[in-house]
């Protein structure tokens, strides 16, 4: 079981490359995910899944709520400055943001 704020790591790992404070108490974490992310699912046990075709990347959040019709998802998240994912494909960029007291994931291909 991965720890809160981290992801399982297989053939490719991508650490967060930047942590930058922004206005409104947000902190942006820039890193990379394998492939373009097609969907995000939050489960009742606190895990989150990022899907791309038949590939599913899963990690653990302390709590989460998905925004309907959007890949911008928010919830409580323990952030440790490191985000790793599993996969063996070309990397595309993604951003993790954390408004005060919450965490969010905004995903998309670059």
C-alpha atoms as a PDB file:
ATOM      1  CA  UNK A   1       0.000   0.000   0.000  1.00  0.00           C
ATOM      2  CA  UNK A   2       1.526   3.355  -0.981  1.00  0.00           C
ATOM      3  CA  UNK A   3       1.835   6.063   1.607  1.00  0.00           C
ATOM      4  CA  UNK A   4      -0.396   9.127   1.544  1.00  0.00           C
ATOM      5  CA  UNK A   5       0.744  11.582  -1.092  1.00  0.00           C
ATOM      6  CA  UNK A   6       2.759   9.015  -3.037  1.00  0.00           C
ATOM      7  CA  UNK A   7       2.119   6.697  -5.970  1.00  0.00           C
ATOM      8  CA  UNK A   8       3.192   3.204  -6.927  1.00  0.00           C
ATOM      9  CA  UNK A   9       6.238   3.169  -9.172  1.00  0.00           C
ATOM     10  CA  UNK A  10       7.002   0.689 -11.947  1.00  0.00           C
ATOM     11  CA  UNK A  11       9.250   1.038 -14.988  1.00  0.00           C
ATOM     12  CA  UNK A  12       9.132   4.827 -15.083  1.00  0.00           C
ATOM     13  CA  UNK A  13       9.206   7.164 -12.095  1.00  0.00           C
ATOM     14  CA  UNK A  14       8.777  10.910 -12.313  1.00  0.00           C
ATOM     15  CA  UNK A  15       9.472  13.054  -9.280  1.00  0.00           C
ATOM     16  CA  UNK A  16       7.936  16.465  -8.844  1.00  0.00           C
ATOM     17  CA  UNK A  17      10.266  18.999 -10.397  1.00  0.00           C
ATOM     18  CA  UNK A  18       9.052  22.244  -8.846  1.00  0.00           C
ATOM     19  CA  UNK A  19       7.192  23.512  -5.806  1.00  0.00           C
ATOM     20  CA  UNK A  20       6.073  27.107  -6.221  1.00  0.00           C
ATOM     21  CA  UNK A  21       3.806  29.198  -3.967  1.00  0.00           C
ATOM     22  CA  UNK A  22       1.143  31.246  -5.776  1.00  0.00           C
ATOM     23  CA  UNK A  23      -1.520  33.767  -4.800  1.00  0.00           C
ATOM     24  CA  UNK A  24      -4.436  32.651  -2.659  1.00  0.00           C
ATOM     25  CA  UNK A  25      -2.498  30.137  -0.588  1.00  0.00           C
ATOM     26  CA  UNK A  26      -2.015  27.695  -3.445  1.00  0.00           C
ATOM     27  CA  UNK A  27       1.142  25.702  -3.997  1.00  0.00           C
ATOM     28  CA  UNK A  28       1.775  24.255  -7.446  1.00  0.00           C
ATOM     29  CA  UNK A  29       3.710  21.022  -7.855  1.00  0.00           C
ATOM     30  CA  UNK A  30       4.989  20.387 -11.377  1.00  0.00           C
ATOM     31  CA  UNK A  31       5.903  16.885 -12.499  1.00  0.00           C
ATOM     32  CA  UNK A  32       5.189  14.275 -15.158  1.00  0.00           C
ATOM     33  CA  UNK A  33       2.819  11.381 -15.734  1.00  0.00           C
ATOM     34  CA  UNK A  34       3.204   8.582 -18.306  1.00  0.00           C
ATOM     35  CA  UNK A  35       0.811   9.054 -21.237  1.00  0.00           C
ATOM     36  CA  UNK A  36      -2.131  11.400 -21.409  1.00  0.00           C
ATOM     37  CA  UNK A  37      -4.559  10.873 -18.561  1.00  0.00           C
ATOM     38  CA  UNK A  38      -8.061   9.938 -19.745  1.00  0.00           C
ATOM     39  CA  UNK A  39      -9.860   9.756 -16.420  1.00  0.00           C
ATOM     40  CA  UNK A  40      -9.580  10.181 -12.683  1.00  0.00           C
ATOM     41  CA  UNK A  41     -11.469   8.115 -10.105  1.00  0.00           C
ATOM     42  CA  UNK A  42     -11.530   8.622  -6.343  1.00  0.00           C
ATOM     43  CA  UNK A  43     -12.469   5.581  -4.250  1.00  0.00           C
ATOM     44  CA  UNK A  44     -14.044   5.561  -0.797  1.00  0.00           C
ATOM     45  CA  UNK A  45     -10.873   4.148   0.781  1.00  0.00           C
ATOM     46  CA  UNK A  46      -8.931   7.290  -0.155  1.00  0.00           C
ATOM     47  CA  UNK A  47      -7.118   5.906  -3.190  1.00  0.00           C
ATOM     48  CA  UNK A  48      -7.116   7.739  -6.496  1.00  0.00           C
ATOM     49  CA  UNK A  49      -6.742   6.148  -9.920  1.00  0.00           C
ATOM     50  CA  UNK A  50      -5.455   7.872 -13.062  1.00  0.00           C
ATOM     51  CA  UNK A  51      -6.453   5.980 -16.220  1.00  0.00           C
ATOM     52  CA  UNK A  52      -4.958   5.856 -19.700  1.00  0.00           C
ATOM     53  CA  UNK A  53      -6.450   3.148 -21.912  1.00  0.00           C
ATOM     54  CA  UNK A  54      -5.856  -0.161 -20.148  1.00  0.00           C
ATOM     55  CA  UNK A  55      -3.247   1.381 -17.823  1.00  0.00           C
ATOM     56  CA  UNK A  56      -4.293   2.400 -14.312  1.00  0.00           C
ATOM     57  CA  UNK A  57      -1.985   4.313 -11.957  1.00  0.00           C
ATOM     58  CA  UNK A  58      -3.112   4.334  -8.341  1.00  0.00           C
ATOM     59  CA  UNK A  59      -2.089   6.203  -5.210  1.00  0.00           C
ATOM     60  CA  UNK A  60      -3.439   7.082  -1.794  1.00  0.00           C
ATOM     61  CA  UNK A  61      -4.939  10.377  -0.662  1.00  0.00           C
ATOM     62  CA  UNK A  62      -6.243  11.041   2.833  1.00  0.00           C
ATOM     63  CA  UNK A  63      -9.582  12.156   1.359  1.00  0.00           C
ATOM     64  CA  UNK A  64     -10.832  13.313  -2.016  1.00  0.00           C
ATOM     65  CA  UNK A  65     -13.810  14.632  -3.953  1.00  0.00           C
ATOM     66  CA  UNK A  66     -14.088  14.676  -7.746  1.00  0.00           C
ATOM     67  CA  UNK A  67     -15.479  17.675  -9.608  1.00  0.00           C
ATOM     68  CA  UNK A  68     -18.197  16.434 -12.006  1.00  0.00           C
ATOM     69  CA  UNK A  69     -17.319  16.764 -15.689  1.00  0.00           C
ATOM     70  CA  UNK A  70     -13.763  17.835 -14.995  1.00  0.00           C
ATOM     71  CA  UNK A  71     -10.310  16.344 -14.561  1.00  0.00           C
ATOM     72  CA  UNK A  72      -9.606  18.993 -11.924  1.00  0.00           C
ATOM     73  CA  UNK A  73     -10.179  17.090  -8.704  1.00  0.00           C
ATOM     74  CA  UNK A  74      -9.833  18.298  -5.136  1.00  0.00           C
ATOM     75  CA  UNK A  75      -9.624  16.844  -1.668  1.00  0.00           C
ATOM     76  CA  UNK A  76      -7.368  16.634   1.361  1.00  0.00           C
ATOM     77  CA  UNK A  77      -3.914  15.430   0.357  1.00  0.00           C
ATOM     78  CA  UNK A  78      -0.695  14.859   2.259  1.00  0.00           C
ATOM     79  CA  UNK A  79       2.033  16.340   0.076  1.00  0.00           C
ATOM     80  CA  UNK A  80       5.589  15.120   0.572  1.00  0.00           C
ATOM     81  CA  UNK A  81       7.229  16.805  -2.430  1.00  0.00           C
ATOM     82  CA  UNK A  82       7.509  13.543  -4.355  1.00  0.00           C
ATOM     83  CA  UNK A  83       4.999  12.076  -6.803  1.00  0.00           C
ATOM     84  CA  UNK A  84       5.854   8.859  -8.630  1.00  0.00           C
ATOM     85  CA  UNK A  85       3.829   6.872 -11.141  1.00  0.00           C
ATOM     86  CA  UNK A  86       4.138   3.523 -12.887  1.00  0.00           C
ATOM     87  CA  UNK A  87       4.373   2.930 -16.614  1.00  0.00           C
ATOM     88  CA  UNK A  88       6.666   2.575 -19.604  1.00  0.00           C
ATOM     89  CA  UNK A  89       5.512   5.245 -22.029  1.00  0.00           C
ATOM     90  CA  UNK A  90       6.395   8.745 -23.151  1.00  0.00           C
ATOM     91  CA  UNK A  91       5.988  11.323 -20.391  1.00  0.00           C
ATOM     92  CA  UNK A  92       3.472  14.151 -20.507  1.00  0.00           C
ATOM     93  CA  UNK A  93       3.238  17.005 -18.057  1.00  0.00           C
ATOM     94  CA  UNK A  94       0.742  17.347 -15.245  1.00  0.00           C
ATOM     95  CA  UNK A  95       0.257  19.693 -12.326  1.00  0.00           C
ATOM     96  CA  UNK A  96      -0.746  19.110  -8.724  1.00  0.00           C
ATOM     97  CA  UNK A  97      -2.102  22.124  -6.866  1.00  0.00           C
ATOM     98  CA  UNK A  98      -2.853  22.504  -3.192  1.00  0.00           C
ATOM     99  CA  UNK A  99      -5.099  25.362  -2.053  1.00  0.00           C
ATOM    100  CA  UNK A 100      -4.911  25.884   1.706  1.00  0.00           C
ATOM    101  CA  UNK A 101      -6.104  22.748   3.462  1.00  0.00           C
ATOM    102  CA  UNK A 102      -6.847  20.821   0.275  1.00  0.00           C
ATOM    103  CA  UNK A 103      -5.097  19.075  -2.562  1.00  0.00           C
ATOM    104  CA  UNK A 104      -5.962  18.860  -6.222  1.00  0.00           C
ATOM    105  CA  UNK A 105      -4.764  17.202  -9.386  1.00  0.00           C
ATOM    106  CA  UNK A 106      -5.025  18.845 -12.799  1.00  0.00           C
ATOM    107  CA  UNK A 107      -3.984  16.401 -15.490  1.00  0.00           C
ATOM    108  CA  UNK A 108      -3.435  16.564 -19.242  1.00  0.00           C
ATOM    109  CA  UNK A 109      -1.002  15.777 -22.038  1.00  0.00           C
ATOM    110  CA  UNK A 110       1.602  18.237 -23.172  1.00  0.00           C
END
